[in-house]
Protein backbone atom coordinates (compact mmCIF):
# COMPACT_ATOMS: atom_id res chain seq x y z
CA MET A 1 177.38 42.33 113.96
CA HIS A 2 173.65 42.94 114.85
CA TRP A 3 174.36 46.59 115.68
CA LEU A 4 176.20 46.96 112.27
CA LEU A 5 173.38 45.34 110.31
CA ALA A 6 170.84 47.75 111.98
CA LEU A 7 172.92 50.77 111.22
CA LEU A 8 173.28 49.85 107.49
CA LEU A 9 169.43 49.26 107.09
CA ALA A 10 168.75 52.56 108.76
CA ALA A 11 171.03 54.34 106.34
CA SER A 12 169.39 52.63 103.28
CA PRO A 13 166.44 54.18 101.52
CA VAL A 14 163.21 52.38 102.12
CA PRO A 15 161.39 51.47 98.85
CA SER A 16 157.66 52.50 98.71
CA SER A 17 154.80 51.53 96.40
CA VAL A 18 153.23 54.93 96.94
CA PRO A 19 154.85 57.70 94.82
CA SER A 20 155.43 61.07 96.49
CA GLY A 21 154.20 64.31 95.01
CA PRO A 22 151.37 64.84 92.36
CA ILE A 23 150.53 61.91 89.89
CA PRO A 24 151.90 62.58 86.56
CA ARG A 25 149.24 63.58 83.97
CA ALA A 26 149.80 60.57 81.77
CA GLU A 27 149.20 58.16 84.56
CA ARG A 28 145.80 59.68 85.14
CA THR A 29 144.67 59.52 81.53
CA ALA A 30 142.15 56.87 80.53
CA VAL A 31 140.00 56.01 77.48
CA LEU A 32 136.31 55.51 77.44
CA VAL A 33 134.99 54.19 74.02
CA GLY A 34 131.66 52.82 72.74
CA ALA A 35 128.22 53.45 71.25
CA GLY A 36 124.57 52.30 71.59
CA ASP A 37 122.10 50.46 69.42
CA ILE A 38 124.46 47.69 68.65
CA ALA A 39 124.02 43.94 67.79
CA VAL A 40 121.87 42.78 64.94
CA CYS A 41 124.08 39.81 63.59
CA GLY A 42 125.05 41.97 60.75
CA PRO A 43 128.10 43.55 59.13
CA GLY A 44 127.72 46.94 60.90
CA THR A 45 127.97 45.38 64.44
CA GLU A 46 131.06 43.37 63.38
CA ALA A 47 132.72 46.55 61.77
CA THR A 48 132.28 48.54 64.97
CA ALA A 49 133.57 45.69 67.05
CA LYS A 50 136.74 45.76 65.04
CA ILE A 51 137.28 49.31 66.09
CA LEU A 52 137.09 48.24 69.76
CA ASP A 53 139.58 45.47 69.08
CA ARG A 54 142.20 47.92 68.10
CA THR A 55 141.24 50.57 70.67
CA PRO A 56 142.29 49.99 74.33
CA GLY A 57 140.27 51.37 77.29
CA THR A 58 136.96 50.97 79.09
CA VAL A 59 134.13 50.14 76.68
CA PHE A 60 130.64 51.63 77.30
CA THR A 61 127.27 50.73 75.77
CA LEU A 62 124.35 53.05 75.61
CA GLY A 63 121.48 50.64 75.51
CA ASP A 64 119.55 48.41 72.98
CA ASN A 65 122.60 46.14 73.10
CA VAL A 66 120.85 43.54 71.00
CA TYR A 67 117.87 43.50 68.49
CA PRO A 68 114.97 43.06 68.06
CA ASP A 69 114.69 42.15 71.79
CA GLY A 70 116.94 41.42 74.65
CA SER A 71 116.79 37.62 74.49
CA ALA A 72 119.50 35.34 75.68
CA ALA A 73 119.59 33.99 72.10
CA ASN A 74 120.28 37.41 70.62
CA PHE A 75 123.05 38.09 73.11
CA ARG A 76 124.57 34.74 72.36
CA ARG A 77 124.17 34.85 68.59
CA CYS A 78 124.63 38.65 67.84
CA TYR A 79 126.45 40.40 70.71
CA ASP A 80 128.90 37.81 72.15
CA PRO A 81 130.80 37.06 68.91
CA THR A 82 131.28 40.70 68.26
CA TRP A 83 131.26 43.36 71.12
CA GLY A 84 131.43 40.41 73.43
CA ARG A 85 135.13 40.24 72.51
CA ALA A 86 135.45 43.25 74.81
CA LYS A 87 133.03 42.10 77.51
CA ALA A 88 135.68 41.89 80.27
CA ARG A 89 136.25 45.68 80.02
CA THR A 90 132.60 46.75 79.27
CA ARG A 91 130.41 48.86 81.53
CA PRO A 92 126.92 48.74 79.90
CA ALA A 93 123.68 50.77 79.99
CA VAL A 94 120.26 49.24 79.48
CA GLY A 95 117.75 50.24 76.72
CA ASN A 96 114.16 49.70 75.89
CA HIS A 97 114.89 46.85 73.55
CA ASP A 98 116.84 44.96 76.24
CA TYR A 99 113.65 45.24 78.41
CA ARG A 100 111.44 43.63 75.84
CA THR A 101 112.48 40.21 77.13
CA GLU A 102 111.71 39.23 80.87
CA HIS A 103 112.28 42.81 82.24
CA ALA A 104 115.85 42.61 80.77
CA LYS A 105 116.73 39.46 82.67
CA PRO A 106 119.01 38.15 79.87
CA TYR A 107 120.90 41.59 79.75
CA TYR A 108 121.61 41.28 83.50
CA ASP A 109 122.50 37.60 83.21
CA TYR A 110 125.02 38.44 80.40
CA PHE A 111 126.79 41.33 81.88
CA GLY A 112 126.55 40.27 85.56
CA SER A 113 127.78 42.62 88.18
CA ALA A 114 129.22 45.05 85.53
CA ALA A 115 125.51 46.11 84.89
CA GLY A 116 124.89 47.04 88.47
CA ASP A 117 121.83 45.89 90.63
CA ARG A 118 119.42 44.17 88.26
CA THR A 119 116.44 45.87 89.98
CA LYS A 120 117.87 49.31 89.28
CA GLY A 121 120.21 49.27 86.17
CA TYR A 122 122.13 52.46 87.52
CA TYR A 123 125.59 52.60 89.06
CA SER A 124 128.65 54.66 88.90
CA TYR A 125 132.51 54.36 88.89
CA ASP A 126 135.67 56.51 88.48
CA LEU A 127 137.91 56.41 85.60
CA GLY A 128 140.94 58.76 84.59
CA GLY A 129 139.96 61.36 87.16
CA TRP A 130 136.24 61.38 85.98
CA HIS A 131 133.20 60.16 87.64
CA ILE A 132 131.09 58.03 85.26
CA VAL A 133 127.45 57.70 86.13
CA VAL A 134 125.38 55.06 84.29
CA LEU A 135 121.62 55.57 84.53
CA ASN A 136 118.49 53.72 83.48
CA SER A 137 116.37 55.77 81.16
CA VAL A 138 113.65 53.04 80.67
CA CYS A 139 111.55 55.12 83.07
CA ALA A 140 108.44 52.90 82.77
CA GLU A 141 110.48 50.15 84.53
CA VAL A 142 112.74 52.20 86.79
CA SER A 143 111.27 55.73 87.58
CA CYS A 144 113.23 58.79 86.59
CA SER A 145 111.08 61.33 88.46
CA VAL A 146 112.29 64.09 90.74
CA SER A 147 111.34 62.06 93.79
CA SER A 148 112.38 58.61 92.55
CA ALA A 149 114.84 56.33 94.15
CA GLN A 150 117.14 56.63 91.07
CA ASN A 151 117.15 60.47 91.35
CA ARG A 152 117.68 60.35 95.10
CA TRP A 153 120.51 57.95 94.59
CA LEU A 154 122.05 60.24 91.81
CA ARG A 155 121.98 63.26 94.06
CA ALA A 156 123.77 61.41 96.86
CA ASP A 157 126.35 59.80 94.53
CA LEU A 158 127.19 63.24 92.97
CA ARG A 159 127.59 64.63 96.42
CA ARG A 160 129.98 61.99 97.37
CA SER A 161 132.18 62.31 94.26
CA THR A 162 135.40 64.38 94.58
CA ALA A 163 136.09 64.29 90.74
CA ARG A 164 136.21 67.63 88.87
CA CYS A 165 134.70 66.03 85.78
CA THR A 166 131.44 63.96 85.52
CA ALA A 167 129.95 62.03 82.50
CA ALA A 168 126.37 60.56 82.56
CA LEU A 169 125.40 57.67 80.16
CA TRP A 170 121.99 56.30 79.49
CA HIS A 171 119.78 55.33 76.46
CA HIS A 172 116.90 57.89 75.74
CA PRO A 173 118.17 61.37 74.83
CA LEU A 174 116.81 64.51 76.20
CA TYR A 175 118.53 66.29 73.23
CA THR A 176 118.23 64.92 69.67
CA SER A 177 117.15 66.10 66.24
CA GLY A 178 116.36 62.39 65.23
CA LYS A 179 113.39 61.89 63.13
CA ASP A 180 112.40 58.46 64.50
CA HIS A 181 112.54 59.40 68.13
CA GLY A 182 111.93 62.85 69.64
CA PRO A 183 113.40 64.16 72.88
CA THR A 184 112.57 61.96 76.02
CA ALA A 185 111.18 64.43 78.50
CA ASP A 186 111.01 61.77 81.19
CA VAL A 187 114.78 61.95 81.72
CA ARG A 188 114.76 65.74 82.36
CA PRO A 189 114.72 65.27 86.17
CA LEU A 190 118.02 63.26 85.90
CA TYR A 191 119.55 65.83 83.65
CA GLN A 192 118.42 68.63 86.02
CA THR A 193 120.19 66.83 88.87
CA LEU A 194 123.30 66.45 86.84
CA TYR A 195 123.16 70.17 85.71
CA ASP A 196 122.69 71.28 89.40
CA ASN A 197 125.76 69.32 90.38
CA GLY A 198 128.17 70.50 87.66
CA ALA A 199 128.18 67.46 85.45
CA ASP A 200 129.97 67.91 82.09
CA VAL A 201 128.92 65.36 79.35
CA ASN A 202 125.84 63.33 78.57
CA LEU A 203 126.11 60.26 76.29
CA THR A 204 122.88 58.60 74.84
CA GLY A 205 121.71 56.47 71.95
CA HIS A 206 118.15 55.44 70.93
CA ASN A 207 118.24 57.38 67.60
CA HIS A 208 120.63 55.47 65.28
CA ASN A 209 122.64 58.37 64.26
CA TYR A 210 125.46 60.64 65.61
CA GLU A 211 124.80 64.12 66.92
CA ARG A 212 126.76 66.56 69.13
CA PHE A 213 125.20 69.57 70.91
CA SER A 214 126.49 72.71 72.49
CA PRO A 215 126.56 72.75 76.18
CA MET A 216 122.88 72.69 77.19
CA ASP A 217 120.81 73.37 80.36
CA PRO A 218 117.86 71.11 81.11
CA TRP A 219 115.29 73.46 79.37
CA GLY A 220 116.58 73.60 75.79
CA HIS A 221 118.92 76.53 76.14
CA VAL A 222 122.55 76.71 75.20
CA ASP A 223 124.53 77.29 78.51
CA ALA A 224 128.26 77.56 77.80
CA LYS A 225 129.07 78.24 81.40
CA ARG A 226 127.24 75.40 83.25
CA GLY A 227 125.56 73.10 80.58
CA LEU A 228 126.34 69.49 79.88
CA VAL A 229 127.60 68.52 76.36
CA PRO A 230 125.04 66.03 75.04
CA PHE A 231 126.06 63.38 72.29
CA VAL A 232 123.86 60.81 70.66
CA VAL A 233 125.98 57.93 69.61
CA GLY A 234 123.36 55.32 68.30
CA THR A 235 125.91 54.12 65.75
CA GLY A 236 126.92 50.63 67.18
CA GLY A 237 125.72 48.88 64.09
CA ALA A 238 121.98 48.19 64.16
CA SER A 239 120.66 50.58 61.40
CA HIS A 240 120.54 54.16 60.46
CA TYR A 241 117.78 56.82 61.35
CA GLY A 242 117.43 60.20 59.68
CA PHE A 243 117.12 63.75 61.02
CA ARG A 244 114.36 66.28 61.22
CA SER A 245 115.20 69.95 61.35
CA PRO A 246 118.20 70.63 63.65
CA ALA A 247 117.17 71.10 67.28
CA PRO A 248 118.56 74.20 69.12
CA GLY A 249 122.13 73.73 70.02
CA SER A 250 122.85 70.97 67.56
CA LEU A 251 126.26 71.30 66.10
CA VAL A 252 127.21 68.13 64.22
CA ARG A 253 124.93 65.38 62.67
CA ASP A 254 125.61 62.31 60.61
CA ALA A 255 123.08 59.56 59.72
CA GLN A 256 125.11 57.36 57.54
CA THR A 257 128.06 56.14 59.53
CA PHE A 258 128.50 53.30 61.99
CA GLY A 259 131.31 54.01 64.45
CA VAL A 260 132.15 54.70 68.10
CA LEU A 261 132.95 57.56 70.19
CA LYS A 262 136.31 57.67 71.97
CA LEU A 263 136.82 59.93 75.00
CA THR A 264 140.37 60.31 76.23
CA LEU A 265 139.81 61.48 79.85
CA HIS A 266 141.96 63.73 81.90
CA PRO A 267 141.28 65.19 85.39
CA ASP A 268 140.39 68.61 83.87
CA GLY A 269 138.70 67.67 80.57
CA ALA A 270 138.71 65.13 77.65
CA GLU A 271 139.38 64.92 73.95
CA TYR A 272 136.60 63.35 71.93
CA ALA A 273 136.80 61.69 68.60
CA PHE A 274 134.16 59.85 66.48
CA LEU A 275 135.92 56.72 65.00
CA PRO A 276 134.11 55.52 61.79
CA ILE A 277 134.22 52.11 60.53
CA ALA A 278 136.56 51.04 57.84
CA GLY A 279 135.74 52.71 54.51
CA ARG A 280 133.79 55.75 55.93
CA LYS A 281 135.14 59.29 56.26
CA PHE A 282 132.78 61.08 58.67
CA THR A 283 134.63 62.07 61.80
CA ASP A 284 134.02 64.56 64.62
CA SER A 285 136.69 65.65 67.32
CA GLY A 286 137.49 68.35 69.74
CA ARG A 287 138.08 68.96 73.44
CA ILE A 288 135.78 69.51 76.51
CA THR A 289 137.17 71.38 79.45
CA CYS A 290 135.27 70.59 82.69
CA HIS A 291 133.51 73.08 84.81
């Protein structure tokens, strides 16, 4: 009987939890959705949180998570009842308003390990075939210079990545037509490192508006072959800022609509769509193919 049982087992297919062959494209698709400049205990913040409620995926923030400063009370009163509903799936970035309280201690306390090392504020993860890099653009707190620990880490992190597509998220934009805050030149070394390593997308906030650029090199030139596509998505609910004259490469601008940016990630590119709050009509959508 033992020899018969062994024969039957040998003839039976052995189930495996690891599929053979290439992974189907649908299984490698993921959603990244969010904005910056978010929580003020007002209707705009609640309205953008409702978009997150009905949009599955990983949530990103682009800094200035609470206003007017990053106090524990503001996180408790303004962020937690709104965007905090998606806290378990959120990967945040830190902003200058977050650092107005105790070197952003309440920010790191609130998000915990999801915010990375509290002495750094930068980290990375993989999602939907993409490599996502979250950087700290509050350069007075954590240096962004060419020789900084942050930039050295970024270079090593990008060298280790095997993903074809890379997106970098932080707060202060290098590219913006915003009237209230001009371009932040301090982040240029980080952008340069990303450009040198073939990154594809840069998401920022700081100016409370929406703007999308052509692919840009680090020095203000459109570069369709190698440039990153910069987005400013400071539309999380805090307020609205206006625009000055359009900066070189600026394609789409809106300063009146709260909303979030949704990226549907594939291993070779992404579809992007700006999702406005209920009652507003502004949208922007398209596709990015990775380098």
